[in-house]
Protein backbone atom coordinates (compact mmCIF):
# COMPACT_ATOMS: atom_id res chain seq x y z
CA UNK A 1 23.09 4.37 -60.32
CA UNK A 2 23.65 0.70 -60.17
CA UNK A 3 22.06 0.53 -57.03
CA UNK A 4 19.74 3.26 -57.98
CA UNK A 5 18.32 0.58 -60.21
CA UNK A 6 18.69 -2.21 -57.77
CA UNK A 7 16.79 -0.45 -55.51
CA UNK A 8 13.98 0.29 -57.81
CA UNK A 9 13.75 -3.79 -58.96
CA UNK A 10 13.76 -4.42 -55.54
CA UNK A 11 10.48 -6.62 -54.76
CA UNK A 12 7.74 -4.29 -52.21
CA UNK A 13 7.78 -6.90 -49.76
CA UNK A 14 12.02 -5.94 -49.39
CA UNK A 15 11.25 -2.42 -49.84
CA UNK A 16 8.69 -2.13 -46.64
CA UNK A 17 11.29 -4.64 -44.45
CA UNK A 18 14.16 -2.12 -44.87
CA UNK A 19 12.37 0.44 -43.96
CA UNK A 20 10.82 -1.45 -40.97
CA UNK A 21 14.66 -1.93 -40.03
CA UNK A 22 15.16 2.00 -40.14
CA UNK A 23 11.96 2.95 -37.92
CA UNK A 24 12.09 0.58 -35.37
CA UNK A 25 15.63 1.33 -34.05
CA UNK A 26 14.10 5.03 -34.25
CA UNK A 27 10.88 4.24 -32.32
CA UNK A 28 12.25 2.46 -29.90
CA UNK A 29 14.73 5.29 -28.73
CA UNK A 30 11.77 7.92 -28.47
CA UNK A 31 9.81 5.11 -26.37
CA UNK A 32 13.42 4.66 -24.27
CA UNK A 33 13.13 8.49 -24.44
CA UNK A 34 10.00 9.28 -22.59
CA UNK A 35 10.13 6.52 -20.23
CA UNK A 36 13.20 7.66 -18.72
CA UNK A 37 11.49 11.05 -18.84
CA UNK A 38 8.44 9.73 -17.11
CA UNK A 39 11.23 7.83 -14.44
CA UNK A 40 12.99 11.46 -13.88
CA UNK A 41 9.49 13.05 -13.84
CA UNK A 42 8.41 10.66 -11.16
CA UNK A 43 11.99 10.94 -8.93
CA UNK A 44 11.64 14.66 -9.03
CA UNK A 45 8.14 14.50 -7.86
CA UNK A 46 9.00 12.37 -5.09
CA UNK A 47 12.08 13.97 -3.89
CA UNK A 48 10.02 17.24 -4.37
CA UNK A 49 7.36 16.20 -1.96
CA UNK A 50 9.19 14.59 0.62
CA UNK A 51 11.74 17.25 0.55
CA UNK A 52 8.72 19.64 1.89
CA UNK A 53 7.26 17.17 4.01
CA UNK A 54 10.50 16.23 5.64
CA UNK A 55 11.38 20.22 6.36
CA UNK A 56 7.78 20.67 8.03
CA UNK A 57 8.21 17.45 10.23
CA UNK A 58 11.73 18.82 11.20
CA UNK A 59 9.83 21.99 12.71
CA UNK A 60 7.44 20.07 14.37
CA UNK A 61 10.15 17.41 15.72
CA UNK A 62 11.56 20.80 17.24
CA UNK A 63 8.14 21.63 19.05
CA UNK A 64 7.35 18.33 20.23
CA UNK A 65 11.17 18.69 21.87
CA UNK A 66 9.37 21.88 23.25
CA UNK A 67 6.20 20.41 24.34
CA UNK A 68 7.84 17.73 26.10
CA UNK A 69 10.55 19.31 27.71
CA UNK A 70 7.62 21.77 29.10
CA UNK A 71 5.53 19.06 30.42
CA UNK A 72 8.95 18.04 32.32
CA UNK A 73 9.85 21.17 33.69
CA UNK A 74 9.36 22.04 37.58
CA UNK A 75 8.15 25.42 37.06
CA UNK A 76 5.73 23.81 34.20
CA UNK A 77 2.83 25.98 34.74
CA UNK A 78 4.62 29.18 34.36
CA UNK A 79 6.92 27.53 31.46
CA UNK A 80 3.80 26.37 29.79
CA UNK A 81 2.13 29.68 30.12
CA UNK A 82 4.98 31.63 28.25
CA UNK A 83 5.79 28.96 25.35
CA UNK A 84 2.32 27.29 24.26
CA UNK A 85 0.95 30.37 22.52
CA UNK A 86 4.28 30.64 20.50
CA UNK A 87 4.34 26.85 19.95
CA UNK A 88 0.18 27.30 19.22
CA UNK A 89 1.39 29.91 16.38
CA UNK A 90 3.71 27.88 15.05
CA UNK A 91 1.85 24.25 15.08
CA UNK A 92 -0.96 26.75 12.93
CA UNK A 93 1.59 27.67 10.07
CA UNK A 94 3.19 24.26 10.10
CA UNK A 95 -0.60 22.80 9.28
CA UNK A 96 -1.48 25.33 6.81
CA UNK A 97 1.64 25.02 4.78
CA UNK A 98 1.16 21.03 4.70
CA UNK A 99 -2.34 21.74 3.30
CA UNK A 100 -1.01 23.58 0.60
CA UNK A 101 1.46 21.01 -0.74
CA UNK A 102 0.91 19.90 -4.36
CA UNK A 103 1.58 15.96 -4.34
CA UNK A 104 2.07 13.76 -7.07
CA UNK A 105 -1.08 11.94 -7.97
CA UNK A 106 -0.22 8.81 -6.34
CA UNK A 107 0.95 10.56 -3.39
CA UNK A 108 -2.62 12.10 -2.46
CA UNK A 109 -3.38 9.68 0.05
CA UNK A 110 -0.37 9.81 1.78
CA UNK A 111 -0.24 14.08 1.59
CA UNK A 112 -3.89 13.60 3.55
CA UNK A 113 -2.23 11.47 6.00
CA UNK A 114 0.54 14.14 6.54
CA UNK A 115 -2.14 17.12 6.56
CA UNK A 116 -4.22 15.35 9.45
CA UNK A 117 -1.28 14.60 11.61
CA UNK A 118 -0.16 18.28 11.34
CA UNK A 119 -3.60 19.71 11.89
CA UNK A 120 -3.89 17.28 14.81
CA UNK A 121 -0.88 18.55 16.48
CA UNK A 122 -2.10 22.12 15.90
CA UNK A 123 -5.18 21.10 17.75
CA UNK A 124 -3.85 19.09 20.53
CA UNK A 125 -1.83 21.79 21.33
CA UNK A 126 -4.33 24.62 21.12
CA UNK A 127 -6.66 22.35 23.42
CA UNK A 128 -3.45 22.21 25.69
CA UNK A 129 -3.39 26.13 25.99
CA UNK A 130 -6.88 26.29 26.92
CA UNK A 131 -5.90 24.28 30.15
CA UNK A 132 -3.83 27.73 31.26
CA UNK A 133 -6.37 29.94 29.34
CA UNK A 134 -9.73 28.52 31.54
CA UNK A 135 -8.35 27.58 34.61
CA UNK A 136 -11.83 26.65 35.95
CA UNK A 137 -11.83 23.83 37.72
CA UNK A 138 -9.38 20.68 38.48
CA UNK A 139 -11.79 18.52 36.87
CA UNK A 140 -12.33 20.60 33.66
CA UNK A 141 -8.17 20.71 33.21
CA UNK A 142 -7.78 17.00 33.46
CA UNK A 143 -10.01 16.14 31.00
CA UNK A 144 -8.84 19.18 28.87
CA UNK A 145 -5.42 17.50 29.50
CA UNK A 146 -6.24 13.95 28.28
CA UNK A 147 -8.31 15.63 25.08
CA UNK A 148 -5.29 17.33 24.34
CA UNK A 149 -2.31 14.28 24.59
CA UNK A 150 -5.11 11.83 22.96
CA UNK A 151 -5.09 14.42 19.77
CA UNK A 152 -1.19 14.59 19.85
CA UNK A 153 -1.04 10.89 20.30
CA UNK A 154 -3.76 10.18 16.89
CA UNK A 155 -1.21 12.79 15.11
CA UNK A 156 1.24 10.25 15.14
CA UNK A 157 -0.94 7.52 14.15
CA UNK A 158 -1.70 9.64 11.05
CA UNK A 159 2.10 10.35 10.63
CA UNK A 160 2.74 6.48 10.72
CA UNK A 161 0.08 6.41 7.91
CA UNK A 162 1.86 8.77 5.78
CA UNK A 163 5.48 6.97 6.20
CA UNK A 164 3.60 3.90 5.12
CA UNK A 165 1.84 4.80 1.99
CA UNK A 166 4.67 7.35 1.02
CA UNK A 167 7.26 4.48 1.46
CA UNK A 168 4.72 1.77 -0.64
CA UNK A 169 4.79 4.15 -3.57
CA UNK A 170 9.11 4.90 -3.26
CA UNK A 171 9.49 1.01 -3.16
CA UNK A 172 7.11 0.52 -6.38
CA UNK A 173 9.26 2.95 -8.50
CA UNK A 174 12.78 1.68 -6.62
CA UNK A 175 13.45 5.23 -5.37
CA UNK A 176 15.86 5.45 -2.66
CA UNK A 177 14.73 8.21 -0.66
CA UNK A 178 15.01 8.56 3.60
CA UNK A 179 11.74 9.95 4.87
CA UNK A 180 12.27 11.93 8.38
CA UNK A 181 10.66 9.96 11.29
CA UNK A 182 8.24 11.65 13.78
CA UNK A 183 6.42 11.43 17.18
CA UNK A 184 4.91 13.97 18.95
CA UNK A 185 4.15 11.57 21.96
CA UNK A 186 6.74 9.75 23.91
CA UNK A 187 5.86 5.92 24.98
CA UNK A 188 5.53 7.14 28.42
CA UNK A 189 2.72 9.63 27.50
CA UNK A 190 1.33 7.22 25.98
CA UNK A 191 0.94 4.47 28.31
CA UNK A 192 -0.77 7.83 30.40
CA UNK A 193 -3.25 7.90 28.14
CA UNK A 194 -3.55 4.41 27.51
CA UNK A 195 -4.38 3.85 31.60
CA UNK A 196 -7.87 4.20 32.44
CA UNK A 197 -8.66 3.85 36.24
CA UNK A 198 -10.77 1.33 37.75
CA UNK A 199 -14.06 2.41 38.79
CA UNK A 200 -14.31 2.74 42.30
CA UNK A 201 -16.99 0.06 44.17
CA UNK A 202 -20.02 2.37 44.74
CA UNK A 203 -20.83 2.45 48.32
CA UNK A 204 -24.41 1.89 49.69
CA UNK A 205 -26.73 4.62 49.33
CA UNK A 206 -28.50 5.93 51.96
CA UNK A 207 -32.31 7.10 51.31
CA UNK A 208 -30.98 10.51 51.33
CA UNK A 209 -28.51 10.39 49.24
CA UNK A 210 -30.60 8.30 46.46
CA UNK A 211 -33.36 10.87 46.76
CA UNK A 212 -30.75 13.36 45.61
CA UNK A 213 -29.15 11.28 42.79
CA UNK A 214 -32.68 11.36 40.92
CA UNK A 215 -33.12 15.00 41.38
CA UNK A 216 -31.82 16.90 38.54
CA UNK A 217 -28.40 18.15 39.30
CA UNK A 218 -26.78 19.99 36.67
CA UNK A 219 -23.60 21.90 37.27
CA UNK A 220 -21.21 24.10 35.06
CA UNK A 221 -17.97 22.55 34.37
CA UNK A 222 -16.36 24.91 32.19
CA UNK A 223 -16.62 28.04 30.72
CA UNK A 224 -13.93 29.96 28.13
CA UNK A 225 -14.51 32.83 25.58
CA UNK A 226 -13.80 33.52 21.99
CA UNK A 227 -11.17 34.90 21.46
CA UNK A 228 -9.43 32.93 24.14
CA UNK A 229 -8.06 35.09 27.03
CA UNK A 230 -4.45 35.78 26.85
CA UNK A 231 -3.53 35.94 30.80
CA UNK A 232 -5.46 35.36 33.98
CA UNK A 233 -4.43 36.79 37.51
CA UNK A 234 -5.43 34.42 40.12
CA UNK A 235 -5.37 37.12 42.99
CA UNK A 236 -8.57 38.95 41.50
CA UNK A 237 -9.83 36.31 39.47
CA UNK A 238 -9.75 38.64 36.41
CA UNK A 239 -8.75 37.34 32.86
CA UNK A 240 -7.30 39.53 29.65
CA UNK A 241 -8.91 38.91 26.68
CA UNK A 242 -7.63 39.85 23.16
CA UNK A 243 -9.10 43.49 21.79
CA UNK A 244 -12.18 42.51 20.13
CA UNK A 245 -15.48 44.12 19.15
CA UNK A 246 -17.63 41.19 20.16
CA UNK A 247 -17.03 38.05 22.50
CA UNK A 248 -18.43 34.55 22.55
CA UNK A 249 -19.06 32.93 25.41
CA UNK A 250 -18.75 28.56 25.70
CA UNK A 251 -20.34 27.24 28.44
CA UNK A 252 -19.65 23.14 29.30
CA UNK A 253 -22.73 21.46 31.33
CA UNK A 254 -22.16 18.61 33.18
CA UNK A 255 -25.47 16.59 33.85
CA UNK A 256 -24.22 14.78 37.31
CA UNK A 257 -28.02 13.19 37.54
CA UNK A 258 -29.07 10.03 37.08
CA UNK A 259 -31.85 11.24 34.82
CA UNK A 260 -31.85 12.73 31.43
CA UNK A 261 -32.13 16.51 31.27
CA UNK A 262 -34.38 17.86 28.46
CA UNK A 263 -34.98 21.53 27.55
CA UNK A 264 -31.89 23.03 29.66
CA UNK A 265 -31.64 27.13 29.80
CA UNK A 266 -28.65 28.59 29.84
CA UNK A 267 -28.53 32.38 30.60
CA UNK A 268 -25.69 34.78 30.19
CA UNK A 269 -26.00 38.16 31.26
CA UNK A 270 -23.34 40.59 30.71
CA UNK A 271 -22.09 43.30 33.46
CA UNK A 272 -19.93 46.41 33.31
CA UNK A 273 -18.88 47.96 36.66
CA UNK A 274 -21.90 46.04 37.50
CA UNK A 275 -24.39 47.43 35.34
CA UNK A 276 -26.44 45.31 32.86
CA UNK A 277 -25.40 46.03 29.37
CA UNK A 278 -27.27 42.99 27.56
CA UNK A 279 -28.60 39.29 28.67
CA UNK A 280 -28.87 36.79 26.20
CA UNK A 281 -30.19 33.12 26.69
CA UNK A 282 -29.93 29.69 24.92
CA UNK A 283 -31.01 26.04 25.50
CA UNK A 284 -29.91 22.37 25.27
CA UNK A 285 -32.63 20.10 23.87
CA UNK A 286 -31.22 17.39 25.98
CA UNK A 287 -27.89 15.97 28.23
CA UNK A 288 -28.05 12.22 28.84
CA UNK A 289 -27.32 11.10 32.24
CA UNK A 290 -23.43 11.23 33.45
CA UNK A 291 -22.68 13.26 30.05
CA UNK A 292 -21.65 16.68 28.77
CA UNK A 293 -22.98 19.33 26.52
CA UNK A 294 -21.51 22.45 24.98
CA UNK A 295 -23.29 25.45 24.15
CA UNK A 296 -22.06 28.64 22.49
CA UNK A 297 -23.58 31.85 22.98
CA UNK A 298 -22.28 34.79 20.75
CA UNK A 299 -22.22 38.24 19.36
CA UNK A 300 -21.56 40.22 23.25
CA UNK A 301 -20.68 43.82 23.03
CA UNK A 302 -18.32 44.40 26.24
CA UNK A 303 -17.24 47.52 26.95
CA UNK A 304 -13.47 48.30 26.21
CA UNK A 305 -13.11 49.93 29.89
CA UNK A 306 -13.73 48.84 33.28
CA UNK A 307 -14.15 45.38 34.32
CA UNK A 308 -16.64 43.44 32.46
CA UNK A 309 -18.63 39.95 34.07
CA UNK A 310 -20.38 37.32 32.32
CA UNK A 311 -22.75 36.16 34.73
CA UNK A 312 -24.05 32.20 33.75
CA UNK A 313 -26.90 30.05 35.17
CA UNK A 314 -27.99 26.96 33.75
CA UNK A 315 -30.66 25.21 34.74
CA UNK A 316 -33.29 25.62 37.53
CA UNK A 317 -31.26 26.00 40.20
CA UNK A 318 -34.40 26.59 42.56
CA UNK A 319 -35.38 23.14 42.35
CA UNK A 320 -31.75 21.26 42.95
CA UNK A 321 -30.51 20.40 46.41
CA UNK A 322 -26.98 21.70 44.86
CA UNK A 323 -27.10 24.64 43.49
CA UNK A 324 -23.63 26.25 43.94
CA UNK A 325 -22.62 24.98 41.00
CA UNK A 326 -25.19 26.45 38.69
CA UNK A 327 -24.29 29.53 38.29
CA UNK A 328 -20.50 31.03 37.68
CA UNK A 329 -18.92 34.75 36.78
CA UNK A 330 -16.09 35.26 34.54
CA UNK A 331 -14.57 38.59 34.88
CA UNK A 332 -12.41 40.35 32.14
CA UNK A 333 -10.47 43.01 30.73
CA UNK A 334 -9.51 43.62 27.22
CA UNK A 335 -5.70 43.50 26.31
CA UNK A 336 -5.11 47.31 25.82
CA UNK A 337 -6.86 48.14 29.78
CA UNK A 338 -3.68 45.79 30.77
């Protein structure tokens, strides 16, 4: 009772002070709780993100090892043709998994680099698979190989940026998490990509050769279908395509001449057992001298039985000195016939 009377007679200033002394520890406890909760949430989010990316990276590293083994094997073409399809499919799955990861807000940039790295690996493997799928010319094969290896090399660069951004985040929060390293292309292959051949010294041109260069000189550099073929028989030059109701054809045209080619016509005729099924035309508005352009002509309806043939003609062969490379026949059947 005496204590109660003493509290009632206490000045208001002292009462407020006593209340503050009681409230301050409670406020500090609540603040420390939320700070600790936040730190735990940050750590949990970073661990979850790194676990998911590391799991994908380990699988990608295994694909890289398979790919390098395929490049170095003595039975290169056979090994690649048997294993590349699986690599392309698995890399697509990894790319899709990478894009579905939900990163913490401050790791979104790192995640974008990671997704790009996985997409480039899939894209590079897919381009490399077209070397065996097209089998058109040595020049096309060499160019496709260089493009594929460049994509794979760029994927390694994107992955390094992912590591840098993620480590910067981890260090800023004093988190000790080890990230999985990854390099799809070895230093030897990188040197191969970086080497550029010195241009050969041009020989003096004769008058006849000069005239030939100034004339139009278009050629078909590469032909492929969508969907891509699954196999090729070099004995009869017949490709096997997966079953499809419609087929697109993609043609890459090379302007070997010294002048710009404009309004270049491209004609594709679809035949089955030497009977015309359909004929379509397209055109490219311009191809610069020494450059290449692609055109895709869509929605052909090949027959399911018999041998189908795409007869491709570019430019106007009658006006060129060398017209042998202005046309090409692409023979194919469907997988259900194989």
